[in-house]
């Protein structure tokens, strides 16, 4: 029996030929699905199309595009019991990479056809859906400073160029990080709260792995004392992420929590799932086991925490209920 599926395609994503790409996708999926195809436009967004899919009663929704398209679609599907298929057609494809979804359209389509699903966590940042991560400080400034045309021309290199510029400027800020159990006051250059993150999102890589289905958020605090320390801390995070090890430097801390509130002085830019959404403060809450996604594999992880090493930090235990 042929299944029905609603395909949301962003023709502006990535660097390939959108007509040929969409033809390939429909050729691969149509034998297995009764496929309804809609394209995003300047007037019609991915989340609007996802709402239409739910209203029409589709039980499978597939999004083909970059992280923005994927996140916008998935945000509508939270707690919907609809199975979500991801076809990574963008520049970074961070969520697909995190979940082990193959980077090629052909293999990603086969993952959906195979029908193996996994239920992952999502999160809400100031009440808005978050699949990947929220970055405060360095990461948000890097995203904001990345030119759209540069992304089309250079892909991921555009983010690296922007990041190098931000490292040269090296700005610190005072931050208060509040969880259900503690309050951390520290001078930092970056705070990242991740629900899911690939190894390339290095500022989220304090723990050995960011676990996307444990009901917890992974918070990484980067607190170097100068520009040189910031460079070496970033390189250390990249190394440990690629080796699947937790960070060991004294200017990097991390913890896991169900809920976190971050305020800063001065206010800092905030990026959520690759898009700058405003400035601090932010409040993020995990929404456990809330999104069904087609994936090729499973894995097991264990949580860790490391905070006592952070320089000049103040950590206070909380006794009252939030």
C-alpha atoms as a PDB file:
ATOM      1  CA  UNK A   1       0.000   0.000   0.000  1.00  0.00           C
ATOM      2  CA  UNK A   2       1.419   3.383  -1.052  1.00  0.00           C
ATOM      3  CA  UNK A   3       1.867   5.850   1.791  1.00  0.00           C
ATOM      4  CA  UNK A   4       0.990   9.525   1.395  1.00  0.00           C
ATOM      5  CA  UNK A   5       3.598  12.191   2.118  1.00  0.00           C
ATOM      6  CA  UNK A   6       3.736  15.978   1.971  1.00  0.00           C
ATOM      7  CA  UNK A   7       7.010  17.315   0.538  1.00  0.00           C
ATOM      8  CA  UNK A   8       8.148  20.859   1.320  1.00  0.00           C
ATOM      9  CA  UNK A   9      10.919  21.929  -1.056  1.00  0.00           C
ATOM     10  CA  UNK A  10      13.014  25.096  -0.775  1.00  0.00           C
ATOM     11  CA  UNK A  11      14.370  25.907  -4.264  1.00  0.00           C
ATOM     12  CA  UNK A  12      16.669  28.609  -2.850  1.00  0.00           C
ATOM     13  CA  UNK A  13      18.656  26.281  -0.581  1.00  0.00           C
ATOM     14  CA  UNK A  14      22.144  25.069  -1.402  1.00  0.00           C
ATOM     15  CA  UNK A  15      24.221  25.602  -4.509  1.00  0.00           C
ATOM     16  CA  UNK A  16      22.778  23.068  -6.969  1.00  0.00           C
ATOM     17  CA  UNK A  17      20.155  23.183  -9.711  1.00  0.00           C
ATOM     18  CA  UNK A  18      16.771  23.203  -7.913  1.00  0.00           C
ATOM     19  CA  UNK A  19      14.767  21.841 -10.867  1.00  0.00           C
ATOM     20  CA  UNK A  20      17.052  18.847 -11.301  1.00  0.00           C
ATOM     21  CA  UNK A  21      17.206  18.282  -7.562  1.00  0.00           C
ATOM     22  CA  UNK A  22      13.429  18.272  -7.153  1.00  0.00           C
ATOM     23  CA  UNK A  23      13.052  15.944 -10.148  1.00  0.00           C
ATOM     24  CA  UNK A  24      15.521  13.517  -8.554  1.00  0.00           C
ATOM     25  CA  UNK A  25      13.691  13.632  -5.219  1.00  0.00           C
ATOM     26  CA  UNK A  26      10.278  12.991  -6.744  1.00  0.00           C
ATOM     27  CA  UNK A  27      11.671  10.204  -8.948  1.00  0.00           C
ATOM     28  CA  UNK A  28      13.089   8.452  -5.888  1.00  0.00           C
ATOM     29  CA  UNK A  29      10.133   8.927  -3.552  1.00  0.00           C
ATOM     30  CA  UNK A  30       7.119   8.640  -5.863  1.00  0.00           C
ATOM     31  CA  UNK A  31       7.249   4.828  -6.225  1.00  0.00           C
ATOM     32  CA  UNK A  32       6.873   4.497  -2.438  1.00  0.00           C
ATOM     33  CA  UNK A  33       4.756   7.539  -1.581  1.00  0.00           C
ATOM     34  CA  UNK A  34       1.679   9.270  -2.902  1.00  0.00           C
ATOM     35  CA  UNK A  35       3.624  12.540  -2.959  1.00  0.00           C
ATOM     36  CA  UNK A  36       2.127  16.009  -2.573  1.00  0.00           C
ATOM     37  CA  UNK A  37       4.780  18.637  -3.430  1.00  0.00           C
ATOM     38  CA  UNK A  38       4.847  22.286  -2.396  1.00  0.00           C
ATOM     39  CA  UNK A  39       7.655  24.837  -2.843  1.00  0.00           C
ATOM     40  CA  UNK A  40       8.536  27.629  -0.455  1.00  0.00           C
ATOM     41  CA  UNK A  41       8.517  31.158  -1.856  1.00  0.00           C
ATOM     42  CA  UNK A  42       9.153  34.637  -0.517  1.00  0.00           C
ATOM     43  CA  UNK A  43       5.449  34.785   0.345  1.00  0.00           C
ATOM     44  CA  UNK A  44       4.943  31.203   1.584  1.00  0.00           C
ATOM     45  CA  UNK A  45       7.271  29.884   4.286  1.00  0.00           C
ATOM     46  CA  UNK A  46       8.106  26.313   5.271  1.00  0.00           C
ATOM     47  CA  UNK A  47       6.204  26.580   8.547  1.00  0.00           C
ATOM     48  CA  UNK A  48       3.080  27.770   6.715  1.00  0.00           C
ATOM     49  CA  UNK A  49       3.284  24.756   4.426  1.00  0.00           C
ATOM     50  CA  UNK A  50       3.827  22.456   7.413  1.00  0.00           C
ATOM     51  CA  UNK A  51       0.642  23.799   8.996  1.00  0.00           C
ATOM     52  CA  UNK A  52      -1.175  23.055   5.730  1.00  0.00           C
ATOM     53  CA  UNK A  53       0.171  19.489   5.821  1.00  0.00           C
ATOM     54  CA  UNK A  54      -1.216  18.983   9.315  1.00  0.00           C
ATOM     55  CA  UNK A  55      -4.560  20.492   8.361  1.00  0.00           C
ATOM     56  CA  UNK A  56      -4.786  18.103   5.400  1.00  0.00           C
ATOM     57  CA  UNK A  57      -4.115  15.145   7.702  1.00  0.00           C
ATOM     58  CA  UNK A  58      -0.749  13.982   6.343  1.00  0.00           C
ATOM     59  CA  UNK A  59       1.079  11.545   8.646  1.00  0.00           C
ATOM     60  CA  UNK A  60       4.432  11.941   6.864  1.00  0.00           C
ATOM     61  CA  UNK A  61       5.994  15.331   6.124  1.00  0.00           C
ATOM     62  CA  UNK A  62       9.313  15.668   4.289  1.00  0.00           C
ATOM     63  CA  UNK A  63      11.398  18.853   4.112  1.00  0.00           C
ATOM     64  CA  UNK A  64      14.106  19.405   1.501  1.00  0.00           C
ATOM     65  CA  UNK A  65      16.294  22.437   2.119  1.00  0.00           C
ATOM     66  CA  UNK A  66      18.789  23.947   4.513  1.00  0.00           C
ATOM     67  CA  UNK A  67      18.714  24.128   8.297  1.00  0.00           C
ATOM     68  CA  UNK A  68      16.267  27.046   8.228  1.00  0.00           C
ATOM     69  CA  UNK A  69      13.729  25.071   6.192  1.00  0.00           C
ATOM     70  CA  UNK A  70      14.259  21.937   8.270  1.00  0.00           C
ATOM     71  CA  UNK A  71      13.880  23.757  11.588  1.00  0.00           C
ATOM     72  CA  UNK A  72      10.835  25.766  10.486  1.00  0.00           C
ATOM     73  CA  UNK A  73       9.059  22.619   9.316  1.00  0.00           C
ATOM     74  CA  UNK A  74       9.991  20.561  12.344  1.00  0.00           C
ATOM     75  CA  UNK A  75       8.897  23.299  14.724  1.00  0.00           C
ATOM     76  CA  UNK A  76       5.324  22.866  13.513  1.00  0.00           C
ATOM     77  CA  UNK A  77       5.479  19.078  13.880  1.00  0.00           C
ATOM     78  CA  UNK A  78       6.472  19.041  17.566  1.00  0.00           C
ATOM     79  CA  UNK A  79       4.144  16.725  19.521  1.00  0.00           C
ATOM     80  CA  UNK A  80       2.093  16.074  16.363  1.00  0.00           C
ATOM     81  CA  UNK A  81       2.740  12.305  15.980  1.00  0.00           C
ATOM     82  CA  UNK A  82       3.664  13.025  12.345  1.00  0.00           C
ATOM     83  CA  UNK A  83       6.812  11.339  10.995  1.00  0.00           C
ATOM     84  CA  UNK A  84       9.358  13.847   9.670  1.00  0.00           C
ATOM     85  CA  UNK A  85      11.736  13.165   6.782  1.00  0.00           C
ATOM     86  CA  UNK A  86      14.840  15.295   6.224  1.00  0.00           C
ATOM     87  CA  UNK A  87      16.509  15.822   2.846  1.00  0.00           C
ATOM     88  CA  UNK A  88      19.635  17.949   3.509  1.00  0.00           C
ATOM     89  CA  UNK A  89      20.002  20.377   0.616  1.00  0.00           C
ATOM     90  CA  UNK A  90      21.570  23.391   2.354  1.00  0.00           C
ATOM     91  CA  UNK A  91      24.977  24.725   3.337  1.00  0.00           C
ATOM     92  CA  UNK A  92      25.507  23.361   6.852  1.00  0.00           C
ATOM     93  CA  UNK A  93      22.837  20.618   7.198  1.00  0.00           C
ATOM     94  CA  UNK A  94      23.548  20.497  10.929  1.00  0.00           C
ATOM     95  CA  UNK A  95      20.520  18.513  12.118  1.00  0.00           C
ATOM     96  CA  UNK A  96      20.908  15.888   9.391  1.00  0.00           C
ATOM     97  CA  UNK A  97      24.590  15.492  10.262  1.00  0.00           C
ATOM     98  CA  UNK A  98      23.782  15.146  13.960  1.00  0.00           C
ATOM     99  CA  UNK A  99      21.223  12.402  13.333  1.00  0.00           C
ATOM    100  CA  UNK A 100      23.470  10.512  10.936  1.00  0.00           C
ATOM    101  CA  UNK A 101      21.258  11.203   7.935  1.00  0.00           C
ATOM    102  CA  UNK A 102      23.361  10.792   4.770  1.00  0.00           C
ATOM    103  CA  UNK A 103      24.390  14.019   3.001  1.00  0.00           C
ATOM    104  CA  UNK A 104      23.396  12.892  -0.488  1.00  0.00           C
ATOM    105  CA  UNK A 105      19.806  13.290  -1.657  1.00  0.00           C
ATOM    106  CA  UNK A 106      19.713   9.733  -2.949  1.00  0.00           C
ATOM    107  CA  UNK A 107      20.768   8.160   0.350  1.00  0.00           C
ATOM    108  CA  UNK A 108      18.579  10.494   2.419  1.00  0.00           C
ATOM    109  CA  UNK A 109      15.572   9.463   0.316  1.00  0.00           C
ATOM    110  CA  UNK A 110      16.417   5.805   0.918  1.00  0.00           C
ATOM    111  CA  UNK A 111      16.520   6.518   4.670  1.00  0.00           C
ATOM    112  CA  UNK A 112      12.954   7.820   4.498  1.00  0.00           C
ATOM    113  CA  UNK A 113      11.810   4.915   2.314  1.00  0.00           C
ATOM    114  CA  UNK A 114      13.314   2.404   4.772  1.00  0.00           C
ATOM    115  CA  UNK A 115      10.941   3.796   7.392  1.00  0.00           C
ATOM    116  CA  UNK A 116      13.121   3.525  10.518  1.00  0.00           C
ATOM    117  CA  UNK A 117      12.209   6.322  12.951  1.00  0.00           C
ATOM    118  CA  UNK A 118      13.542   7.716  16.192  1.00  0.00           C
ATOM    119  CA  UNK A 119      11.838  10.071  18.639  1.00  0.00           C
ATOM    120  CA  UNK A 120      14.083  12.971  19.614  1.00  0.00           C
ATOM    121  CA  UNK A 121      13.850  15.895  22.009  1.00  0.00           C
ATOM    122  CA  UNK A 122      13.122  19.431  20.908  1.00  0.00           C
ATOM    123  CA  UNK A 123      13.227  22.655  22.910  1.00  0.00           C
ATOM    124  CA  UNK A 124      11.565  26.022  23.280  1.00  0.00           C
ATOM    125  CA  UNK A 125      13.673  29.187  23.367  1.00  0.00           C
ATOM    126  CA  UNK A 126      11.614  32.115  24.635  1.00  0.00           C
ATOM    127  CA  UNK A 127       8.591  30.072  23.604  1.00  0.00           C
ATOM    128  CA  UNK A 128       9.786  29.433  20.027  1.00  0.00           C
ATOM    129  CA  UNK A 129      10.802  25.978  18.701  1.00  0.00           C
ATOM    130  CA  UNK A 130      14.484  25.027  18.807  1.00  0.00           C
ATOM    131  CA  UNK A 131      15.837  21.793  17.347  1.00  0.00           C
ATOM    132  CA  UNK A 132      19.564  22.372  17.369  1.00  0.00           C
ATOM    133  CA  UNK A 133      21.059  25.030  19.599  1.00  0.00           C
ATOM    134  CA  UNK A 134      21.011  28.562  20.896  1.00  0.00           C
ATOM    135  CA  UNK A 135      24.258  30.517  20.899  1.00  0.00           C
ATOM    136  CA  UNK A 136      24.950  33.609  23.006  1.00  0.00           C
ATOM    137  CA  UNK A 137      27.909  35.815  22.210  1.00  0.00           C
ATOM    138  CA  UNK A 138      30.587  34.548  19.831  1.00  0.00           C
ATOM    139  CA  UNK A 139      28.491  32.088  17.817  1.00  0.00           C
ATOM    140  CA  UNK A 140      25.627  34.531  17.369  1.00  0.00           C
ATOM    141  CA  UNK A 141      28.027  37.265  16.264  1.00  0.00           C
ATOM    142  CA  UNK A 142      29.646  34.842  13.813  1.00  0.00           C
ATOM    143  CA  UNK A 143      26.286  33.946  12.241  1.00  0.00           C
ATOM    144  CA  UNK A 144      25.195  37.578  12.082  1.00  0.00           C
ATOM    145  CA  UNK A 145      28.490  38.530  10.443  1.00  0.00           C
ATOM    146  CA  UNK A 146      28.259  35.881   7.708  1.00  0.00           C
ATOM    147  CA  UNK A 147      27.263  37.325   4.353  1.00  0.00           C
ATOM    148  CA  UNK A 148      24.506  35.422   2.484  1.00  0.00           C
ATOM    149  CA  UNK A 149      26.339  35.655  -0.826  1.00  0.00           C
ATOM    150  CA  UNK A 150      29.499  34.380   0.844  1.00  0.00           C
ATOM    151  CA  UNK A 151      27.555  31.320   2.032  1.00  0.00           C
ATOM    152  CA  UNK A 152      26.458  30.601  -1.539  1.00  0.00           C
ATOM    153  CA  UNK A 153      30.005  31.115  -2.875  1.00  0.00           C
ATOM    154  CA  UNK A 154      32.063  29.443  -0.147  1.00  0.00           C
ATOM    155  CA  UNK A 155      29.656  27.245   1.857  1.00  0.00           C
ATOM    156  CA  UNK A 156      30.907  26.447   5.375  1.00  0.00           C
ATOM    157  CA  UNK A 157      34.103  28.446   4.762  1.00  0.00           C
ATOM    158  CA  UNK A 158      32.011  31.620   4.999  1.00  0.00           C
ATOM    159  CA  UNK A 159      31.265  30.833   8.659  1.00  0.00           C
ATOM    160  CA  UNK A 160      34.948  30.185   9.337  1.00  0.00           C
ATOM    161  CA  UNK A 161      35.936  33.555   7.845  1.00  0.00           C
ATOM    162  CA  UNK A 162      33.336  35.309   9.985  1.00  0.00           C
ATOM    163  CA  UNK A 163      34.460  33.380  13.066  1.00  0.00           C
ATOM    164  CA  UNK A 164      38.071  34.425  12.575  1.00  0.00           C
ATOM    165  CA  UNK A 165      36.954  38.038  12.432  1.00  0.00           C
ATOM    166  CA  UNK A 166      35.036  37.636  15.699  1.00  0.00           C
ATOM    167  CA  UNK A 167      38.079  36.042  17.367  1.00  0.00           C
ATOM    168  CA  UNK A 168      40.177  39.064  16.463  1.00  0.00           C
ATOM    169  CA  UNK A 169      37.669  41.357  18.144  1.00  0.00           C
ATOM    170  CA  UNK A 170      37.415  39.124  21.271  1.00  0.00           C
ATOM    171  CA  UNK A 171      34.556  40.500  23.333  1.00  0.00           C
ATOM    172  CA  UNK A 172      33.693  39.278  26.834  1.00  0.00           C
ATOM    173  CA  UNK A 173      30.486  39.702  28.805  1.00  0.00           C
ATOM    174  CA  UNK A 174      29.163  39.020  32.273  1.00  0.00           C
ATOM    175  CA  UNK A 175      26.537  36.295  32.351  1.00  0.00           C
ATOM    176  CA  UNK A 176      24.221  34.675  34.864  1.00  0.00           C
ATOM    177  CA  UNK A 177      23.244  31.110  33.965  1.00  0.00           C
ATOM    178  CA  UNK A 178      20.343  29.786  36.012  1.00  0.00           C
ATOM    179  CA  UNK A 179      19.119  26.183  36.082  1.00  0.00           C
ATOM    180  CA  UNK A 180      16.759  24.308  38.378  1.00  0.00           C
ATOM    181  CA  UNK A 181      19.688  23.451  40.631  1.00  0.00           C
ATOM    182  CA  UNK A 182      22.213  26.297  40.488  1.00  0.00           C
ATOM    183  CA  UNK A 183      23.108  29.822  39.415  1.00  0.00           C
ATOM    184  CA  UNK A 184      26.459  30.418  37.685  1.00  0.00           C
ATOM    185  CA  UNK A 185      27.890  33.939  37.445  1.00  0.00           C
ATOM    186  CA  UNK A 186      30.915  34.224  35.176  1.00  0.00           C
ATOM    187  CA  UNK A 187      32.741  36.318  32.576  1.00  0.00           C
ATOM    188  CA  UNK A 188      32.482  34.482  29.239  1.00  0.00           C
ATOM    189  CA  UNK A 189      32.847  34.905  25.495  1.00  0.00           C
ATOM    190  CA  UNK A 190      30.244  32.315  24.524  1.00  0.00           C
ATOM    191  CA  UNK A 191      27.435  30.282  26.055  1.00  0.00           C
ATOM    192  CA  UNK A 192      25.800  27.595  23.940  1.00  0.00           C
ATOM    193  CA  UNK A 193      22.683  25.622  24.816  1.00  0.00           C
ATOM    194  CA  UNK A 194      22.262  22.567  22.615  1.00  0.00           C
ATOM    195  CA  UNK A 195      19.449  20.123  22.100  1.00  0.00           C
ATOM    196  CA  UNK A 196      21.351  18.528  19.215  1.00  0.00           C
ATOM    197  CA  UNK A 197      24.596  19.578  17.539  1.00  0.00           C
ATOM    198  CA  UNK A 198      27.120  18.131  15.067  1.00  0.00           C
ATOM    199  CA  UNK A 199      30.832  18.080  15.905  1.00  0.00           C
ATOM    200  CA  UNK A 200      31.326  21.131  13.677  1.00  0.00           C
ATOM    201  CA  UNK A 201      29.270  23.246  16.114  1.00  0.00           C
ATOM    202  CA  UNK A 202      32.372  23.387  18.257  1.00  0.00           C
ATOM    203  CA  UNK A 203      31.097  25.846  20.868  1.00  0.00           C
ATOM    204  CA  UNK A 204      28.475  23.270  21.883  1.00  0.00           C
ATOM    205  CA  UNK A 205      31.034  20.516  22.391  1.00  0.00           C
ATOM    206  CA  UNK A 206      31.958  20.744  26.065  1.00  0.00           C
ATOM    207  CA  UNK A 207      30.585  17.246  26.850  1.00  0.00           C
ATOM    208  CA  UNK A 208      31.752  14.233  24.867  1.00  0.00           C
ATOM    209  CA  UNK A 209      28.460  14.153  22.941  1.00  0.00           C
ATOM    210  CA  UNK A 210      25.370  16.295  22.718  1.00  0.00           C
ATOM    211  CA  UNK A 211      22.598  13.788  23.367  1.00  0.00           C
ATOM    212  CA  UNK A 212      19.410  14.517  21.449  1.00  0.00           C
ATOM    213  CA  UNK A 213      16.995  12.185  23.209  1.00  0.00           C
ATOM    214  CA  UNK A 214      17.899  12.284  26.915  1.00  0.00           C
ATOM    215  CA  UNK A 215      15.348  14.903  27.990  1.00  0.00           C
ATOM    216  CA  UNK A 216      18.156  17.367  28.795  1.00  0.00           C
ATOM    217  CA  UNK A 217      19.856  20.410  27.292  1.00  0.00           C
ATOM    218  CA  UNK A 218      23.652  20.557  26.997  1.00  0.00           C
ATOM    219  CA  UNK A 219      25.103  23.887  28.141  1.00  0.00           C
ATOM    220  CA  UNK A 220      28.710  24.751  27.225  1.00  0.00           C
ATOM    221  CA  UNK A 221      30.430  27.810  28.724  1.00  0.00           C
ATOM    222  CA  UNK A 222      33.598  29.174  27.098  1.00  0.00           C
ATOM    223  CA  UNK A 223      35.433  31.611  29.359  1.00  0.00           C
ATOM    224  CA  UNK A 224      38.948  32.387  28.035  1.00  0.00           C
ATOM    225  CA  UNK A 225      40.871  35.278  29.587  1.00  0.00           C
ATOM    226  CA  UNK A 226      42.329  36.676  26.355  1.00  0.00           C
ATOM    227  CA  UNK A 227      42.306  36.333  22.561  1.00  0.00           C
ATOM    228  CA  UNK A 228      45.061  33.709  22.482  1.00  0.00           C
ATOM    229  CA  UNK A 229      43.173  31.573  24.998  1.00  0.00           C
ATOM    230  CA  UNK A 230      40.002  31.949  22.914  1.00  0.00           C
ATOM    231  CA  UNK A 231      41.782  30.585  19.850  1.00  0.00           C
ATOM    232  CA  UNK A 232      43.263  27.612  21.697  1.00  0.00           C
ATOM    233  CA  UNK A 233      39.971  26.891  23.484  1.00  0.00           C
ATOM    234  CA  UNK A 234      38.151  26.797  20.146  1.00  0.00           C
ATOM    235  CA  UNK A 235      40.762  24.473  18.688  1.00  0.00           C
ATOM    236  CA  UNK A 236      40.572  22.245  21.771  1.00  0.00           C
ATOM    237  CA  UNK A 237      36.788  21.983  21.415  1.00  0.00           C
ATOM    238  CA  UNK A 238      37.167  20.987  17.765  1.00  0.00           C
ATOM    239  CA  UNK A 239      39.722  18.308  18.647  1.00  0.00           C
ATOM    240  CA  UNK A 240      37.723  16.806  21.499  1.00  0.00           C
ATOM    241  CA  UNK A 241      34.514  16.848  19.439  1.00  0.00           C
ATOM    242  CA  UNK A 242      36.148  14.948  16.589  1.00  0.00           C
ATOM    243  CA  UNK A 243      37.634  12.450  19.057  1.00  0.00           C
ATOM    244  CA  UNK A 244      34.344  12.090  20.944  1.00  0.00           C
ATOM    245  CA  UNK A 245      35.897  13.267  24.218  1.00  0.00           C
ATOM    246  CA  UNK A 246      34.815  15.854  26.795  1.00  0.00           C
ATOM    247  CA  UNK A 247      36.679  19.175  27.016  1.00  0.00           C
ATOM    248  CA  UNK A 248      39.538  19.254  29.534  1.00  0.00           C
ATOM    249  CA  UNK A 249      40.533  22.936  29.594  1.00  0.00           C
ATOM    250  CA  UNK A 250      39.971  24.985  32.740  1.00  0.00           C
ATOM    251  CA  UNK A 251      38.281  27.767  30.777  1.00  0.00           C
ATOM    252  CA  UNK A 252      35.567  25.483  29.376  1.00  0.00           C
ATOM    253  CA  UNK A 253      32.658  24.243  31.483  1.00  0.00           C
ATOM    254  CA  UNK A 254      29.518  22.273  30.736  1.00  0.00           C
ATOM    255  CA  UNK A 255      26.432  20.795  32.336  1.00  0.00           C
ATOM    256  CA  UNK A 256      23.103  19.208  31.452  1.00  0.00           C
ATOM    257  CA  UNK A 257      19.749  20.543  32.558  1.00  0.00           C
ATOM    258  CA  UNK A 258      16.035  20.457  31.702  1.00  0.00           C
ATOM    259  CA  UNK A 259      15.722  24.234  31.824  1.00  0.00           C
ATOM    260  CA  UNK A 260      18.082  27.205  31.665  1.00  0.00           C
ATOM    261  CA  UNK A 261      17.829  30.974  31.776  1.00  0.00           C
ATOM    262  CA  UNK A 262      20.687  33.154  30.515  1.00  0.00           C
ATOM    263  CA  UNK A 263      21.070  36.887  31.082  1.00  0.00           C
ATOM    264  CA  UNK A 264      24.093  39.011  30.185  1.00  0.00           C
ATOM    265  CA  UNK A 265      25.676  42.393  30.739  1.00  0.00           C
ATOM    266  CA  UNK A 266      25.909  43.946  28.252  1.00  0.00           C
ATOM    267  CA  UNK A 267      23.139  42.345  26.175  1.00  0.00           C
ATOM    268  CA  UNK A 268      24.329  39.840  23.580  1.00  0.00           C
ATOM    269  CA  UNK A 269      23.053  38.611  20.235  1.00  0.00           C
ATOM    270  CA  UNK A 270      21.267  35.254  20.289  1.00  0.00           C
ATOM    271  CA  UNK A 271      21.216  32.762  17.431  1.00  0.00           C
ATOM    272  CA  UNK A 272      18.770  29.838  17.352  1.00  0.00           C
ATOM    273  CA  UNK A 273      19.165  27.083  14.769  1.00  0.00           C
ATOM    274  CA  UNK A 274      21.348  29.267  12.576  1.00  0.00           C
ATOM    275  CA  UNK A 275      19.158  32.384  12.670  1.00  0.00           C
ATOM    276  CA  UNK A 276      19.733  35.500  14.795  1.00  0.00           C
ATOM    277  CA  UNK A 277      16.488  35.971  16.761  1.00  0.00           C
ATOM    278  CA  UNK A 278      17.314  38.939  18.984  1.00  0.00           C
ATOM    279  CA  UNK A 279      19.250  39.576  22.177  1.00  0.00           C
ATOM    280  CA  UNK A 280      19.476  38.293  25.733  1.00  0.00           C
ATOM    281  CA  UNK A 281      17.946  37.354  28.040  1.00  0.00           C
ATOM    282  CA  UNK A 282      16.680  33.922  26.986  1.00  0.00           C
ATOM    283  CA  UNK A 283      14.888  31.031  28.669  1.00  0.00           C
ATOM    284  CA  UNK A 284      15.127  27.547  27.149  1.00  0.00           C
ATOM    285  CA  UNK A 285      13.133  24.470  28.110  1.00  0.00           C
ATOM    286  CA  UNK A 286      13.601  20.936  26.811  1.00  0.00           C
ATOM    287  CA  UNK A 287      10.535  19.221  25.312  1.00  0.00           C
ATOM    288  CA  UNK A 288      11.399  15.530  25.740  1.00  0.00           C
ATOM    289  CA  UNK A 289      10.614  12.941  23.063  1.00  0.00           C
ATOM    290  CA  UNK A 290       8.509  15.281  20.975  1.00  0.00           C
ATOM    291  CA  UNK A 291       9.514  14.764  17.326  1.00  0.00           C
ATOM    292  CA  UNK A 292       9.471  11.591  15.199  1.00  0.00           C
ATOM    293  CA  UNK A 293      12.241  11.582  12.564  1.00  0.00           C
ATOM    294  CA  UNK A 294      13.303   9.070   9.891  1.00  0.00           C
ATOM    295  CA  UNK A 295      16.893   8.065  10.722  1.00  0.00           C
ATOM    296  CA  UNK A 296      19.304   5.326   9.630  1.00  0.00           C
ATOM    297  CA  UNK A 297      20.802   4.325  12.987  1.00  0.00           C
ATOM    298  CA  UNK A 298      20.686   4.443  16.808  1.00  0.00           C
ATOM    299  CA  UNK A 299      23.243   5.156  19.507  1.00  0.00           C
ATOM    300  CA  UNK A 300      23.656   5.319  23.291  1.00  0.00           C
ATOM    301  CA  UNK A 301      25.277   8.109  25.321  1.00  0.00           C
ATOM    302  CA  UNK A 302      25.850   9.064  28.944  1.00  0.00           C
ATOM    303  CA  UNK A 303      25.717  12.534  30.545  1.00  0.00           C
ATOM    304  CA  UNK A 304      28.572  14.436  32.185  1.00  0.00           C
ATOM    305  CA  UNK A 305      29.090  17.696  34.018  1.00  0.00           C
ATOM    306  CA  UNK A 306      32.186  19.819  34.679  1.00  0.00           C
ATOM    307  CA  UNK A 307      31.945  23.290  36.253  1.00  0.00           C
ATOM    308  CA  UNK A 308      34.286  23.649  39.236  1.00  0.00           C
ATOM    309  CA  UNK A 309      37.298  24.395  37.056  1.00  0.00           C
ATOM    310  CA  UNK A 310      35.921  27.593  35.498  1.00  0.00           C
ATOM    311  CA  UNK A 311      38.020  30.690  36.351  1.00  0.00           C
ATOM    312  CA  UNK A 312      36.474  33.191  38.759  1.00  0.00           C
ATOM    313  CA  UNK A 313      33.024  31.642  38.526  1.00  0.00           C
ATOM    314  CA  UNK A 314      30.427  31.764  41.244  1.00  0.00           C
ATOM    315  CA  UNK A 315      28.126  28.762  41.525  1.00  0.00           C
ATOM    316  CA  UNK A 316      25.262  28.788  43.986  1.00  0.00           C
ATOM    317  CA  UNK A 317      23.016  25.851  44.793  1.00  0.00           C
ATOM    318  CA  UNK A 318      19.282  26.485  44.481  1.00  0.00           C
ATOM    319  CA  UNK A 319      16.911  25.372  47.188  1.00  0.00           C
ATOM    320  CA  UNK A 320      13.625  26.918  46.118  1.00  0.00           C
ATOM    321  CA  UNK A 321      11.341  25.515  43.437  1.00  0.00           C
ATOM    322  CA  UNK A 322      11.110  27.391  40.149  1.00  0.00           C
END
